[in-house]
N, C-alpha and C. Protein backbone atom coordinates (compact mmCIF):
# COMPACT_ATOMS: atom_id res chain seq x y z
N MET A 1 148.00 113.46 6.62
CA MET A 1 147.21 114.05 7.69
C MET A 1 145.96 113.19 7.90
N ASP A 2 145.69 112.81 9.14
CA ASP A 2 144.54 112.00 9.48
C ASP A 2 143.48 112.89 10.13
N ILE A 3 142.50 113.30 9.35
CA ILE A 3 141.46 114.21 9.83
C ILE A 3 140.63 113.56 10.94
N ARG A 4 140.45 112.24 10.86
CA ARG A 4 139.60 111.57 11.84
C ARG A 4 140.12 111.73 13.26
N CYS A 5 141.42 111.76 13.45
CA CYS A 5 141.93 111.91 14.81
C CYS A 5 142.53 113.29 15.03
N GLY A 6 142.61 114.11 14.01
CA GLY A 6 143.07 115.48 14.15
C GLY A 6 144.57 115.66 14.15
N GLU A 7 145.34 114.60 13.89
CA GLU A 7 146.80 114.73 13.87
C GLU A 7 147.22 115.67 12.75
N GLY A 8 148.18 116.52 13.03
CA GLY A 8 148.73 117.41 12.03
C GLY A 8 147.92 118.68 11.82
N LEU A 9 146.84 118.88 12.56
CA LEU A 9 146.03 120.09 12.41
C LEU A 9 146.52 121.15 13.38
N ASN A 10 146.48 122.41 12.94
CA ASN A 10 146.83 123.50 13.86
C ASN A 10 145.62 123.83 14.73
N ASN A 11 145.79 124.73 15.69
CA ASN A 11 144.71 125.04 16.63
C ASN A 11 143.46 125.56 15.93
N GLN A 12 143.61 126.41 14.94
CA GLN A 12 142.44 126.94 14.23
C GLN A 12 141.69 125.82 13.52
N GLN A 13 142.43 124.91 12.88
CA GLN A 13 141.79 123.79 12.19
C GLN A 13 141.10 122.86 13.19
N LEU A 14 141.72 122.65 14.34
CA LEU A 14 141.10 121.80 15.38
C LEU A 14 139.81 122.43 15.89
N LYS A 15 139.81 123.76 16.11
CA LYS A 15 138.60 124.45 16.55
C LYS A 15 137.49 124.28 15.52
N TYR A 16 137.84 124.40 14.24
CA TYR A 16 136.84 124.24 13.18
C TYR A 16 136.31 122.81 13.17
N LEU A 17 137.21 121.83 13.31
CA LEU A 17 136.80 120.43 13.30
C LEU A 17 135.87 120.12 14.47
N VAL A 18 136.21 120.61 15.65
CA VAL A 18 135.36 120.39 16.83
C VAL A 18 134.00 121.06 16.64
N ALA A 19 133.98 122.29 16.15
CA ALA A 19 132.71 122.99 15.92
C ALA A 19 131.89 122.26 14.86
N PHE A 20 132.54 121.77 13.82
CA PHE A 20 131.84 121.05 12.76
C PHE A 20 131.23 119.77 13.31
N LYS A 21 132.00 119.02 14.07
CA LYS A 21 131.48 117.77 14.66
C LYS A 21 130.32 118.06 15.59
N ALA A 22 130.41 119.10 16.41
CA ALA A 22 129.34 119.43 17.34
C ALA A 22 128.07 119.82 16.59
N GLU A 23 128.23 120.47 15.44
CA GLU A 23 127.08 120.91 14.67
C GLU A 23 126.44 119.76 13.89
N ILE A 24 127.25 118.87 13.36
CA ILE A 24 126.77 117.82 12.47
C ILE A 24 126.43 116.52 13.18
N LEU A 25 127.28 116.12 14.12
CA LEU A 25 127.11 114.83 14.76
C LEU A 25 126.30 114.95 16.04
N PRO A 26 125.26 114.12 16.21
CA PRO A 26 124.50 114.18 17.45
C PRO A 26 125.33 113.67 18.62
N MET A 27 125.06 114.23 19.80
CA MET A 27 125.77 113.82 21.00
C MET A 27 124.90 112.82 21.76
N GLN A 28 125.42 111.62 21.99
CA GLN A 28 124.69 110.57 22.70
C GLN A 28 124.82 110.81 24.21
N LEU A 29 123.69 111.02 24.87
CA LEU A 29 123.69 111.25 26.32
C LEU A 29 123.10 110.04 27.04
N LYS A 30 123.48 109.88 28.30
CA LYS A 30 122.82 108.89 29.14
C LYS A 30 121.38 109.33 29.32
N ILE A 31 120.47 108.39 29.53
CA ILE A 31 119.05 108.70 29.63
C ILE A 31 118.80 109.76 30.71
N GLY A 32 119.38 109.59 31.88
CA GLY A 32 119.16 110.55 32.97
C GLY A 32 119.64 111.94 32.63
N ASP A 33 120.80 112.04 31.99
CA ASP A 33 121.32 113.35 31.59
C ASP A 33 120.41 114.00 30.56
N TRP A 34 119.91 113.21 29.60
CA TRP A 34 119.02 113.74 28.57
C TRP A 34 117.71 114.23 29.19
N LEU A 35 117.15 113.43 30.12
CA LEU A 35 115.89 113.81 30.76
C LEU A 35 116.05 115.08 31.59
N ARG A 36 117.18 115.23 32.29
CA ARG A 36 117.41 116.46 33.05
C ARG A 36 117.45 117.66 32.11
N LYS A 37 118.12 117.52 30.98
CA LYS A 37 118.17 118.63 30.00
C LYS A 37 116.77 118.89 29.43
N TYR A 38 116.00 117.83 29.21
CA TYR A 38 114.63 117.96 28.70
C TYR A 38 113.78 118.78 29.68
N VAL A 39 113.83 118.41 30.95
CA VAL A 39 113.05 119.11 31.98
C VAL A 39 113.49 120.57 32.10
N ASP A 40 114.79 120.82 31.98
CA ASP A 40 115.32 122.18 32.10
C ASP A 40 115.22 122.98 30.80
N ASN A 41 114.62 122.41 29.77
CA ASN A 41 114.53 123.06 28.45
C ASN A 41 115.92 123.45 27.94
N ALA A 42 116.91 122.58 28.16
CA ALA A 42 118.29 122.89 27.80
C ALA A 42 118.79 122.05 26.62
N LEU A 43 117.90 121.32 25.96
CA LEU A 43 118.32 120.53 24.79
C LEU A 43 118.54 121.46 23.61
N THR A 44 119.63 121.24 22.89
CA THR A 44 119.95 122.09 21.75
C THR A 44 119.49 121.48 20.43
N GLY A 45 119.09 120.21 20.47
CA GLY A 45 118.68 119.54 19.24
C GLY A 45 119.72 118.57 18.72
N SER A 46 120.96 118.69 19.20
CA SER A 46 122.00 117.77 18.73
C SER A 46 122.17 116.58 19.68
N GLU A 47 121.49 116.60 20.83
CA GLU A 47 121.61 115.51 21.79
C GLU A 47 120.64 114.39 21.45
N THR A 48 121.09 113.17 21.65
CA THR A 48 120.23 112.00 21.49
C THR A 48 120.40 111.11 22.71
N THR A 49 119.51 110.17 22.85
CA THR A 49 119.63 109.16 23.89
C THR A 49 119.04 107.88 23.34
N THR A 50 119.08 106.83 24.14
CA THR A 50 118.65 105.52 23.64
C THR A 50 117.15 105.32 23.75
N MET A 51 116.43 106.27 24.29
CA MET A 51 114.98 106.12 24.39
C MET A 51 114.27 107.25 23.67
N SER A 52 113.01 107.02 23.36
CA SER A 52 112.19 108.02 22.70
C SER A 52 111.37 108.75 23.77
N TYR A 53 111.42 110.07 23.77
CA TYR A 53 110.67 110.82 24.76
C TYR A 53 110.04 112.04 24.12
N PRO A 54 108.81 112.37 24.45
CA PRO A 54 107.94 111.66 25.37
C PRO A 54 107.44 110.35 24.75
N PRO A 55 107.15 109.36 25.61
CA PRO A 55 106.66 108.09 25.09
C PRO A 55 105.25 108.24 24.53
N PRO A 56 104.85 107.36 23.64
CA PRO A 56 103.51 107.46 23.05
C PRO A 56 102.38 107.52 24.09
N ILE A 57 102.51 106.79 25.20
CA ILE A 57 101.44 106.81 26.21
C ILE A 57 101.31 108.20 26.84
N ALA A 58 102.41 108.92 26.98
CA ALA A 58 102.35 110.28 27.53
C ALA A 58 101.56 111.19 26.61
N LYS A 59 101.76 111.01 25.31
CA LYS A 59 101.01 111.82 24.35
C LYS A 59 99.54 111.41 24.34
N THR A 60 99.28 110.11 24.46
CA THR A 60 97.91 109.60 24.39
C THR A 60 97.06 110.06 25.56
N ILE A 61 97.58 109.92 26.79
CA ILE A 61 96.75 110.30 27.94
C ILE A 61 97.08 111.68 28.50
N GLY A 62 98.20 112.26 28.05
CA GLY A 62 98.48 113.66 28.36
C GLY A 62 99.25 113.96 29.63
N PHE A 63 100.28 113.18 29.94
CA PHE A 63 101.10 113.55 31.08
C PHE A 63 102.47 114.01 30.61
N GLU A 64 103.15 114.74 31.48
CA GLU A 64 104.49 115.22 31.14
C GLU A 64 105.39 115.18 32.36
N LEU A 65 106.67 115.00 32.10
CA LEU A 65 107.70 115.00 33.14
C LEU A 65 108.03 116.44 33.49
N VAL A 66 107.96 116.79 34.78
CA VAL A 66 108.26 118.16 35.18
C VAL A 66 109.47 118.27 36.09
N GLU A 67 109.90 117.15 36.69
CA GLU A 67 111.08 117.17 37.55
C GLU A 67 111.66 115.76 37.61
N ILE A 68 112.98 115.68 37.64
CA ILE A 68 113.63 114.39 37.78
C ILE A 68 114.85 114.56 38.67
N GLY A 69 115.06 113.60 39.54
CA GLY A 69 116.20 113.65 40.45
C GLY A 69 116.67 112.25 40.75
N PRO A 70 117.59 112.11 41.66
CA PRO A 70 118.08 110.78 42.02
C PRO A 70 116.94 109.91 42.56
N ALA A 71 116.63 108.86 41.85
CA ALA A 71 115.61 107.88 42.26
C ALA A 71 114.21 108.46 42.41
N CYS A 72 113.89 109.55 41.70
CA CYS A 72 112.53 110.10 41.77
C CYS A 72 112.19 110.87 40.49
N ALA A 73 110.90 110.97 40.24
CA ALA A 73 110.42 111.76 39.11
C ALA A 73 109.06 112.34 39.48
N THR A 74 108.77 113.52 38.97
CA THR A 74 107.47 114.16 39.16
C THR A 74 106.83 114.33 37.80
N LEU A 75 105.62 113.81 37.67
CA LEU A 75 104.86 113.93 36.42
C LEU A 75 103.64 114.80 36.68
N LYS A 76 103.17 115.46 35.64
CA LYS A 76 102.00 116.33 35.74
C LYS A 76 100.98 115.88 34.71
N MET A 77 99.71 115.89 35.12
CA MET A 77 98.65 115.49 34.20
C MET A 77 97.35 116.20 34.58
N GLN A 78 96.69 116.76 33.60
CA GLN A 78 95.38 117.36 33.79
C GLN A 78 94.35 116.31 33.39
N THR A 79 93.57 115.84 34.34
CA THR A 79 92.58 114.79 34.02
C THR A 79 91.24 115.40 33.65
N ASP A 80 90.52 114.66 32.83
CA ASP A 80 89.18 115.05 32.39
C ASP A 80 88.32 113.79 32.44
N PRO A 81 87.27 113.77 33.28
CA PRO A 81 86.44 112.57 33.38
C PRO A 81 85.85 112.11 32.05
N ALA A 82 85.67 113.03 31.12
CA ALA A 82 85.14 112.65 29.81
C ALA A 82 86.16 111.86 28.99
N ILE A 83 87.43 112.04 29.30
CA ILE A 83 88.50 111.35 28.58
C ILE A 83 89.12 110.24 29.41
N HIS A 84 89.40 110.52 30.69
CA HIS A 84 90.15 109.61 31.55
C HIS A 84 89.26 108.90 32.57
N GLY A 85 87.95 109.08 32.48
CA GLY A 85 87.05 108.57 33.51
C GLY A 85 86.65 107.12 33.35
N ASN A 86 86.21 106.56 34.46
CA ASN A 86 85.62 105.23 34.47
C ASN A 86 84.11 105.38 34.58
N PRO A 87 83.34 104.30 34.58
CA PRO A 87 81.87 104.42 34.65
C PRO A 87 81.36 105.10 35.91
N MET A 88 82.19 105.15 36.97
CA MET A 88 81.76 105.79 38.22
C MET A 88 82.07 107.28 38.24
N GLY A 89 82.71 107.79 37.17
CA GLY A 89 82.99 109.22 37.08
C GLY A 89 84.30 109.66 37.70
N THR A 90 85.13 108.72 38.12
CA THR A 90 86.44 109.07 38.65
C THR A 90 87.51 108.68 37.62
N VAL A 91 88.76 109.02 37.90
CA VAL A 91 89.84 108.68 36.98
C VAL A 91 90.02 107.17 36.94
N HIS A 92 90.08 106.65 35.75
CA HIS A 92 90.22 105.20 35.53
C HIS A 92 91.52 104.70 36.15
N GLY A 93 91.47 103.54 36.79
CA GLY A 93 92.65 102.96 37.43
C GLY A 93 93.78 102.71 36.45
N GLY A 94 93.46 102.38 35.21
CA GLY A 94 94.49 102.15 34.21
C GLY A 94 95.30 103.41 33.92
N VAL A 95 94.64 104.56 33.96
CA VAL A 95 95.34 105.83 33.76
C VAL A 95 96.30 106.06 34.92
N LEU A 96 95.82 105.80 36.13
CA LEU A 96 96.67 105.96 37.31
C LEU A 96 97.85 105.00 37.26
N CYS A 97 97.61 103.77 36.79
CA CYS A 97 98.71 102.80 36.67
C CYS A 97 99.73 103.24 35.64
N ASP A 98 99.26 103.79 34.51
CA ASP A 98 100.20 104.31 33.50
C ASP A 98 101.04 105.45 34.07
N LEU A 99 100.41 106.32 34.82
CA LEU A 99 101.12 107.44 35.43
C LEU A 99 102.14 106.92 36.45
N ALA A 100 101.74 105.97 37.29
CA ALA A 100 102.67 105.40 38.27
C ALA A 100 103.82 104.67 37.57
N ASP A 101 103.51 103.92 36.52
CA ASP A 101 104.53 103.20 35.77
C ASP A 101 105.56 104.17 35.18
N ALA A 102 105.09 105.25 34.62
CA ALA A 102 106.00 106.25 34.04
C ALA A 102 106.84 106.91 35.12
N ALA A 103 106.22 107.23 36.26
CA ALA A 103 106.95 107.88 37.35
C ALA A 103 108.03 106.96 37.90
N MET A 104 107.75 105.66 37.96
CA MET A 104 108.76 104.71 38.45
C MET A 104 109.84 104.46 37.41
N GLY A 105 109.49 104.52 36.13
CA GLY A 105 110.43 104.21 35.07
C GLY A 105 111.38 105.34 34.72
N GLN A 106 110.95 106.59 34.87
CA GLN A 106 111.80 107.73 34.49
C GLN A 106 113.12 107.76 35.24
N PRO A 107 113.12 107.55 36.56
CA PRO A 107 114.40 107.63 37.27
C PRO A 107 115.33 106.45 37.00
N MET A 108 114.88 105.50 36.22
CA MET A 108 115.70 104.34 35.90
C MET A 108 117.06 104.77 35.34
N GLY A 109 117.10 105.87 34.63
CA GLY A 109 118.35 106.35 34.07
C GLY A 109 119.17 107.20 35.02
N GLN A 110 118.68 107.39 36.24
CA GLN A 110 119.38 108.22 37.21
C GLN A 110 120.25 107.36 38.12
N PRO A 111 121.44 107.83 38.44
CA PRO A 111 122.26 107.08 39.41
C PRO A 111 121.68 107.23 40.81
N LEU A 112 121.76 106.15 41.58
CA LEU A 112 121.32 106.22 42.97
C LEU A 112 122.38 106.93 43.80
N PRO A 113 121.95 107.65 44.83
CA PRO A 113 122.93 108.33 45.68
C PRO A 113 123.81 107.30 46.40
N ARG A 114 125.07 107.65 46.61
CA ARG A 114 125.99 106.76 47.33
C ARG A 114 125.65 106.78 48.81
N THR A 115 125.54 105.60 49.39
CA THR A 115 125.29 105.48 50.83
C THR A 115 126.16 104.36 51.37
N ASN A 116 126.10 104.16 52.66
CA ASN A 116 126.87 103.09 53.29
C ASN A 116 126.06 101.81 53.40
N HIS A 117 124.88 101.77 52.84
CA HIS A 117 124.06 100.56 52.91
C HIS A 117 123.49 100.24 51.54
N SER A 118 122.99 99.03 51.40
CA SER A 118 122.43 98.58 50.12
C SER A 118 121.12 99.28 49.85
N GLN A 119 120.85 99.54 48.59
CA GLN A 119 119.58 100.13 48.17
C GLN A 119 118.74 99.04 47.53
N VAL A 120 117.54 98.86 47.99
CA VAL A 120 116.65 97.85 47.44
C VAL A 120 115.43 98.51 46.89
């Protein structure tokens, strides 16, 4: 009997094997699928992906992903001039660039919608 491929197992044994694998082995998801589950609070803890989320910069300056879709992402951040400010009292441009960079990078794992023309 080859347990690795399930040959020779009856239905009850196969159900147990599948449940055991789902419980023990992490499920590798595409980045976009993982992020959608993250936003929807639907991660069970057994899913993994190839990236670490939230990224360290999100923790450092305090932004979070609140929505993700085809070729778009929405991030949320509460700014504080005492933390995120520049000498003029407004939000520092570097913070805005980090936020824009993250917003552009999140949809990278999302498939583009099918159209009849090239997407650039």
